[in-house]
Amino acid sequence: QVQLVESGGGLVQAGGSLKLSCAASGRTFSTYAMGWFRQAPGKEREFVGVITWSGGSTYYADSVKGRFTISRDNAKNTVYLQMNSLKPEDTAVYYCNRLYNQVTWGQGTQVTVSS
């Protein structure tokens, strides 16, 4: 069973940066496009961005385009989310999962951006 473990969150001032990691178990990690998602208090989970299985292409939500970058290391079964120029509205719990055929969600990692 695939397990997802997100890490790297924390408290940062507006304009700062954080890099999140998502470690996945299982031998099929490298065959799936992986996405990052977030859920702010009182709101539904929303899509942040996705990276193809090879890492050759990425796509981002308009709200984070130009500020966030997704990368992956298939040898380590890990996908990353580099977040720059953070804004208070980026405050949320961040999750990773397959874009399709999603597995059980991990616990996520909290990102809090203070103004």
N, C-alpha and C. Protein backbone atom coordinates (compact mmCIF):
# COMPACT_ATOMS: atom_id res chain seq x y z
N GLN A 1 0.84 -1.18 0.00
CA GLN A 1 0.00 0.00 0.00
C GLN A 1 0.88 1.24 0.00
N VAL A 2 0.57 2.17 -0.90
CA VAL A 2 1.36 3.38 -1.00
C VAL A 2 1.08 4.29 0.18
N GLN A 3 2.13 4.82 0.75
CA GLN A 3 2.01 5.80 1.81
C GLN A 3 2.72 7.09 1.40
N LEU A 4 2.12 8.21 1.76
CA LEU A 4 2.66 9.52 1.43
C LEU A 4 2.97 10.27 2.72
N VAL A 5 4.16 10.81 2.82
CA VAL A 5 4.57 11.55 4.02
C VAL A 5 5.11 12.90 3.59
N GLU A 6 4.37 13.94 3.94
CA GLU A 6 4.79 15.31 3.63
C GLU A 6 5.56 15.91 4.79
N SER A 7 6.51 16.77 4.47
CA SER A 7 7.31 17.43 5.50
C SER A 7 7.85 18.75 4.98
N GLY A 8 8.39 19.55 5.90
CA GLY A 8 9.04 20.78 5.50
C GLY A 8 8.25 22.04 5.77
N GLY A 9 7.04 21.90 6.26
CA GLY A 9 6.23 23.08 6.54
C GLY A 9 6.75 23.85 7.73
N GLY A 10 6.14 25.00 7.98
CA GLY A 10 6.53 25.81 9.11
C GLY A 10 5.93 27.19 9.05
N LEU A 11 6.43 28.05 9.90
CA LEU A 11 5.97 29.44 9.97
C LEU A 11 7.01 30.32 9.28
N VAL A 12 6.54 31.15 8.37
CA VAL A 12 7.45 32.01 7.62
C VAL A 12 6.77 33.36 7.40
N GLN A 13 7.57 34.40 7.32
CA GLN A 13 7.03 35.73 7.04
C GLN A 13 6.70 35.88 5.56
N ALA A 14 5.77 36.76 5.28
CA ALA A 14 5.43 37.05 3.89
C ALA A 14 6.69 37.45 3.12
N GLY A 15 6.81 36.90 1.92
CA GLY A 15 7.98 37.13 1.09
C GLY A 15 9.05 36.08 1.25
N GLY A 16 8.89 35.22 2.26
CA GLY A 16 9.87 34.19 2.51
C GLY A 16 9.68 32.96 1.64
N SER A 17 10.48 31.94 1.93
CA SER A 17 10.48 30.71 1.14
C SER A 17 10.45 29.48 2.03
N LEU A 18 9.91 28.42 1.48
CA LEU A 18 9.93 27.10 2.12
C LEU A 18 10.04 26.06 1.02
N LYS A 19 10.62 24.92 1.38
CA LYS A 19 10.66 23.79 0.45
C LYS A 19 10.03 22.59 1.12
N LEU A 20 8.97 22.10 0.55
CA LEU A 20 8.28 20.94 1.06
C LEU A 20 8.76 19.68 0.35
N SER A 21 8.68 18.58 1.08
CA SER A 21 9.03 17.28 0.51
C SER A 21 7.86 16.32 0.70
N CYS A 22 7.75 15.39 -0.22
CA CYS A 22 6.75 14.33 -0.12
C CYS A 22 7.43 13.02 -0.47
N ALA A 23 7.56 12.17 0.53
CA ALA A 23 8.17 10.86 0.33
C ALA A 23 7.08 9.82 0.15
N ALA A 24 7.22 9.03 -0.89
CA ALA A 24 6.21 8.01 -1.20
C ALA A 24 6.83 6.62 -1.12
N SER A 25 6.08 5.71 -0.56
CA SER A 25 6.52 4.32 -0.55
C SER A 25 6.01 3.65 -1.82
N GLY A 26 6.53 2.49 -2.13
CA GLY A 26 6.03 1.76 -3.28
C GLY A 26 6.93 1.89 -4.50
N ARG A 27 6.93 0.85 -5.30
CA ARG A 27 7.84 0.80 -6.44
C ARG A 27 7.27 1.46 -7.68
N THR A 28 6.03 1.91 -7.64
CA THR A 28 5.42 2.49 -8.84
C THR A 28 5.42 4.01 -8.84
N PHE A 29 6.09 4.60 -7.87
CA PHE A 29 6.10 6.07 -7.74
C PHE A 29 6.46 6.74 -9.05
N SER A 30 7.50 6.26 -9.70
CA SER A 30 8.02 6.94 -10.88
C SER A 30 7.11 6.84 -12.10
N THR A 31 6.06 6.05 -12.03
CA THR A 31 5.17 5.90 -13.18
C THR A 31 3.96 6.84 -13.12
N TYR A 32 3.85 7.63 -12.07
CA TYR A 32 2.69 8.49 -11.88
C TYR A 32 3.05 9.97 -11.89
N ALA A 33 2.16 10.75 -12.50
CA ALA A 33 2.23 12.20 -12.30
C ALA A 33 1.85 12.48 -10.86
N MET A 34 2.57 13.38 -10.23
CA MET A 34 2.33 13.70 -8.82
C MET A 34 1.90 15.15 -8.68
N GLY A 35 0.91 15.35 -7.84
CA GLY A 35 0.40 16.69 -7.63
C GLY A 35 0.59 17.16 -6.21
N TRP A 36 0.60 18.46 -6.06
CA TRP A 36 0.54 19.11 -4.75
C TRP A 36 -0.82 19.77 -4.63
N PHE A 37 -1.38 19.70 -3.44
CA PHE A 37 -2.68 20.26 -3.14
C PHE A 37 -2.59 20.97 -1.79
N ARG A 38 -3.55 21.82 -1.51
CA ARG A 38 -3.56 22.49 -0.21
C ARG A 38 -4.98 22.71 0.25
N GLN A 39 -5.11 22.82 1.56
CA GLN A 39 -6.43 23.07 2.15
C GLN A 39 -6.28 24.10 3.25
N ALA A 40 -6.90 25.23 3.03
CA ALA A 40 -6.91 26.30 4.03
C ALA A 40 -8.08 26.09 4.98
N PRO A 41 -8.01 26.66 6.18
CA PRO A 41 -9.10 26.49 7.14
C PRO A 41 -10.44 26.92 6.56
N GLY A 42 -11.43 26.05 6.68
CA GLY A 42 -12.76 26.39 6.22
C GLY A 42 -12.96 26.31 4.72
N LYS A 43 -11.95 25.85 4.01
CA LYS A 43 -12.05 25.77 2.55
C LYS A 43 -11.82 24.35 2.07
N GLU A 44 -12.23 24.09 0.83
CA GLU A 44 -12.00 22.79 0.25
C GLU A 44 -10.55 22.65 -0.20
N ARG A 45 -10.11 21.41 -0.31
CA ARG A 45 -8.78 21.15 -0.82
C ARG A 45 -8.70 21.64 -2.27
N GLU A 46 -7.59 22.29 -2.60
CA GLU A 46 -7.45 22.80 -3.96
C GLU A 46 -6.13 22.36 -4.59
N PHE A 47 -6.14 22.32 -5.88
CA PHE A 47 -4.97 21.94 -6.66
C PHE A 47 -3.94 23.07 -6.66
N VAL A 48 -2.67 22.68 -6.48
CA VAL A 48 -1.58 23.66 -6.51
C VAL A 48 -0.75 23.50 -7.78
N GLY A 49 -0.37 22.27 -8.07
CA GLY A 49 0.44 22.03 -9.26
C GLY A 49 0.70 20.55 -9.44
N VAL A 50 1.28 20.20 -10.58
CA VAL A 50 1.52 18.80 -10.91
C VAL A 50 2.82 18.69 -11.69
N ILE A 51 3.46 17.54 -11.56
CA ILE A 51 4.65 17.22 -12.33
C ILE A 51 4.45 15.86 -12.98
N THR A 52 4.84 15.74 -14.24
CA THR A 52 4.69 14.48 -14.94
C THR A 52 5.61 13.41 -14.36
N TRP A 53 5.37 12.17 -14.76
CA TRP A 53 6.12 11.06 -14.17
C TRP A 53 7.62 11.21 -14.40
N SER A 54 8.01 11.79 -15.51
CA SER A 54 9.43 11.93 -15.83
C SER A 54 10.03 13.20 -15.25
N GLY A 55 9.17 14.10 -14.81
CA GLY A 55 9.65 15.39 -14.35
C GLY A 55 9.85 16.38 -15.48
N GLY A 56 9.48 16.00 -16.68
CA GLY A 56 9.73 16.86 -17.83
C GLY A 56 8.78 18.02 -17.98
N SER A 57 7.62 17.91 -17.36
CA SER A 57 6.63 18.99 -17.48
C SER A 57 5.98 19.25 -16.14
N THR A 58 5.63 20.51 -15.94
CA THR A 58 4.90 20.91 -14.75
C THR A 58 3.77 21.85 -15.15
N TYR A 59 2.79 21.93 -14.28
CA TYR A 59 1.64 22.82 -14.50
C TYR A 59 1.20 23.32 -13.14
N TYR A 60 0.85 24.63 -13.09
CA TYR A 60 0.53 25.25 -11.81
C TYR A 60 -0.79 25.98 -11.85
N ALA A 61 -1.42 26.05 -10.71
CA ALA A 61 -2.58 26.91 -10.55
C ALA A 61 -2.14 28.36 -10.73
N ASP A 62 -3.05 29.18 -11.23
CA ASP A 62 -2.71 30.59 -11.47
C ASP A 62 -2.27 31.29 -10.20
N SER A 63 -2.80 30.88 -9.07
CA SER A 63 -2.51 31.56 -7.81
C SER A 63 -1.06 31.39 -7.37
N VAL A 64 -0.36 30.38 -7.89
CA VAL A 64 1.01 30.12 -7.45
C VAL A 64 2.02 30.19 -8.60
N LYS A 65 1.52 30.35 -9.80
CA LYS A 65 2.39 30.35 -10.99
C LYS A 65 3.45 31.45 -10.86
N GLY A 66 4.68 31.09 -11.13
CA GLY A 66 5.79 32.03 -11.05
C GLY A 66 6.41 32.12 -9.67
N ARG A 67 5.77 31.53 -8.68
CA ARG A 67 6.29 31.57 -7.30
C ARG A 67 6.65 30.17 -6.80
N PHE A 68 5.93 29.17 -7.22
CA PHE A 68 6.14 27.80 -6.75
C PHE A 68 6.75 26.96 -7.88
N THR A 69 7.60 26.01 -7.49
CA THR A 69 8.22 25.11 -8.45
C THR A 69 8.19 23.68 -7.91
N ILE A 70 7.70 22.77 -8.74
CA ILE A 70 7.65 21.36 -8.36
C ILE A 70 8.78 20.63 -9.07
N SER A 71 9.42 19.74 -8.33
CA SER A 71 10.45 18.87 -8.89
C SER A 71 10.30 17.49 -8.27
N ARG A 72 11.01 16.54 -8.81
CA ARG A 72 10.92 15.18 -8.26
C ARG A 72 12.25 14.46 -8.45
N ASP A 73 12.48 13.50 -7.57
CA ASP A 73 13.65 12.62 -7.66
C ASP A 73 13.11 11.19 -7.58
N ASN A 74 12.97 10.56 -8.72
CA ASN A 74 12.37 9.22 -8.74
C ASN A 74 13.24 8.18 -8.06
N ALA A 75 14.53 8.42 -8.02
CA ALA A 75 15.42 7.49 -7.33
C ALA A 75 15.16 7.49 -5.83
N LYS A 76 14.66 8.61 -5.33
CA LYS A 76 14.36 8.74 -3.90
C LYS A 76 12.86 8.65 -3.61
N ASN A 77 12.05 8.42 -4.65
CA ASN A 77 10.60 8.37 -4.46
C ASN A 77 10.09 9.64 -3.76
N THR A 78 10.60 10.77 -4.15
CA THR A 78 10.28 12.02 -3.47
C THR A 78 9.93 13.11 -4.47
N VAL A 79 8.92 13.88 -4.13
CA VAL A 79 8.54 15.05 -4.92
C VAL A 79 8.65 16.27 -4.02
N TYR A 80 9.04 17.39 -4.60
CA TYR A 80 9.32 18.61 -3.84
C TYR A 80 8.43 19.75 -4.32
N LEU A 81 8.22 20.69 -3.40
CA LEU A 81 7.52 21.93 -3.74
C LEU A 81 8.32 23.09 -3.17
N GLN A 82 8.99 23.81 -4.04
CA GLN A 82 9.72 25.01 -3.64
C GLN A 82 8.77 26.19 -3.71
N MET A 83 8.60 26.86 -2.60
CA MET A 83 7.65 27.98 -2.52
C MET A 83 8.41 29.25 -2.21
N ASN A 84 8.35 30.20 -3.11
CA ASN A 84 9.01 31.49 -2.93
C ASN A 84 7.97 32.60 -2.90
N SER A 85 8.39 33.75 -2.44
CA SER A 85 7.50 34.93 -2.37
C SER A 85 6.17 34.57 -1.74
N LEU A 86 6.24 33.92 -0.61
CA LEU A 86 5.02 33.44 0.04
C LEU A 86 4.14 34.59 0.50
N LYS A 87 2.84 34.34 0.44
CA LYS A 87 1.82 35.32 0.84
C LYS A 87 0.98 34.73 1.95
N PRO A 88 0.36 35.59 2.75
CA PRO A 88 -0.52 35.07 3.82
C PRO A 88 -1.60 34.13 3.27
N GLU A 89 -2.07 34.37 2.07
CA GLU A 89 -3.12 33.51 1.50
C GLU A 89 -2.60 32.13 1.09
N ASP A 90 -1.29 31.91 1.18
CA ASP A 90 -0.74 30.58 0.94
C ASP A 90 -0.83 29.70 2.19
N THR A 91 -1.26 30.28 3.30
CA THR A 91 -1.40 29.51 4.53
C THR A 91 -2.40 28.38 4.35
N ALA A 92 -1.95 27.16 4.62
CA ALA A 92 -2.78 25.97 4.41
C ALA A 92 -2.00 24.74 4.85
N VAL A 93 -2.70 23.62 4.89
CA VAL A 93 -2.03 22.32 5.00
C VAL A 93 -1.79 21.83 3.58
N TYR A 94 -0.55 21.45 3.31
CA TYR A 94 -0.16 21.04 1.98
C TYR A 94 -0.03 19.52 1.91
N TYR A 95 -0.55 18.97 0.83
CA TYR A 95 -0.56 17.53 0.61
C TYR A 95 -0.01 17.20 -0.78
N CYS A 96 0.49 15.99 -0.92
CA CYS A 96 0.82 15.49 -2.25
C CYS A 96 -0.02 14.24 -2.49
N ASN A 97 -0.21 13.94 -3.75
CA ASN A 97 -0.90 12.71 -4.13
C ASN A 97 -0.73 12.52 -5.63
N ARG A 98 -1.03 11.33 -6.08
CA ARG A 98 -1.07 11.10 -7.51
C ARG A 98 -2.12 12.02 -8.13
N LEU A 99 -1.90 12.44 -9.36
CA LEU A 99 -2.91 13.24 -10.01
C LEU A 99 -4.13 12.38 -10.33
N TYR A 100 -3.88 11.16 -10.77
CA TYR A 100 -4.95 10.21 -11.05
C TYR A 100 -4.74 8.97 -10.19
N ASN A 101 -5.79 8.18 -10.01
CA ASN A 101 -5.72 6.98 -9.18
C ASN A 101 -5.13 7.31 -7.82
N GLN A 102 -5.71 8.32 -7.19
CA GLN A 102 -5.17 8.80 -5.93
C GLN A 102 -5.24 7.72 -4.85
N VAL A 103 -4.25 7.79 -3.98
CA VAL A 103 -4.17 6.88 -2.84
C VAL A 103 -4.59 7.64 -1.58
N THR A 104 -4.55 6.93 -0.46
CA THR A 104 -4.94 7.55 0.80
C THR A 104 -4.07 8.78 1.06
N TRP A 105 -4.70 9.87 1.44
CA TRP A 105 -3.97 11.12 1.70
C TRP A 105 -3.10 10.97 2.94
N GLY A 106 -1.93 11.61 2.90
CA GLY A 106 -1.07 11.66 4.07
C GLY A 106 -1.59 12.67 5.07
N GLN A 107 -0.77 12.95 6.07
CA GLN A 107 -1.20 13.88 7.12
C GLN A 107 -1.01 15.33 6.71
N GLY A 108 -0.26 15.54 5.66
CA GLY A 108 -0.01 16.90 5.20
C GLY A 108 1.03 17.61 6.06
N THR A 109 1.43 18.79 5.63
CA THR A 109 2.36 19.61 6.39
C THR A 109 1.84 21.04 6.41
N GLN A 110 1.83 21.63 7.59
CA GLN A 110 1.23 22.96 7.78
C GLN A 110 2.21 24.05 7.33
N VAL A 111 1.72 24.95 6.52
CA VAL A 111 2.46 26.14 6.13
C VAL A 111 1.68 27.35 6.61
N THR A 112 2.33 28.18 7.39
CA THR A 112 1.70 29.40 7.89
C THR A 112 2.55 30.59 7.49
N VAL A 113 1.95 31.53 6.79
CA VAL A 113 2.64 32.71 6.33
C VAL A 113 2.08 33.92 7.06
N SER A 114 2.93 34.58 7.81
CA SER A 114 2.50 35.75 8.58
C SER A 114 2.73 37.02 7.78
N SER A 115 1.85 37.97 8.01
CA SER A 115 1.95 39.25 7.28
C SER A 115 2.85 40.24 7.99
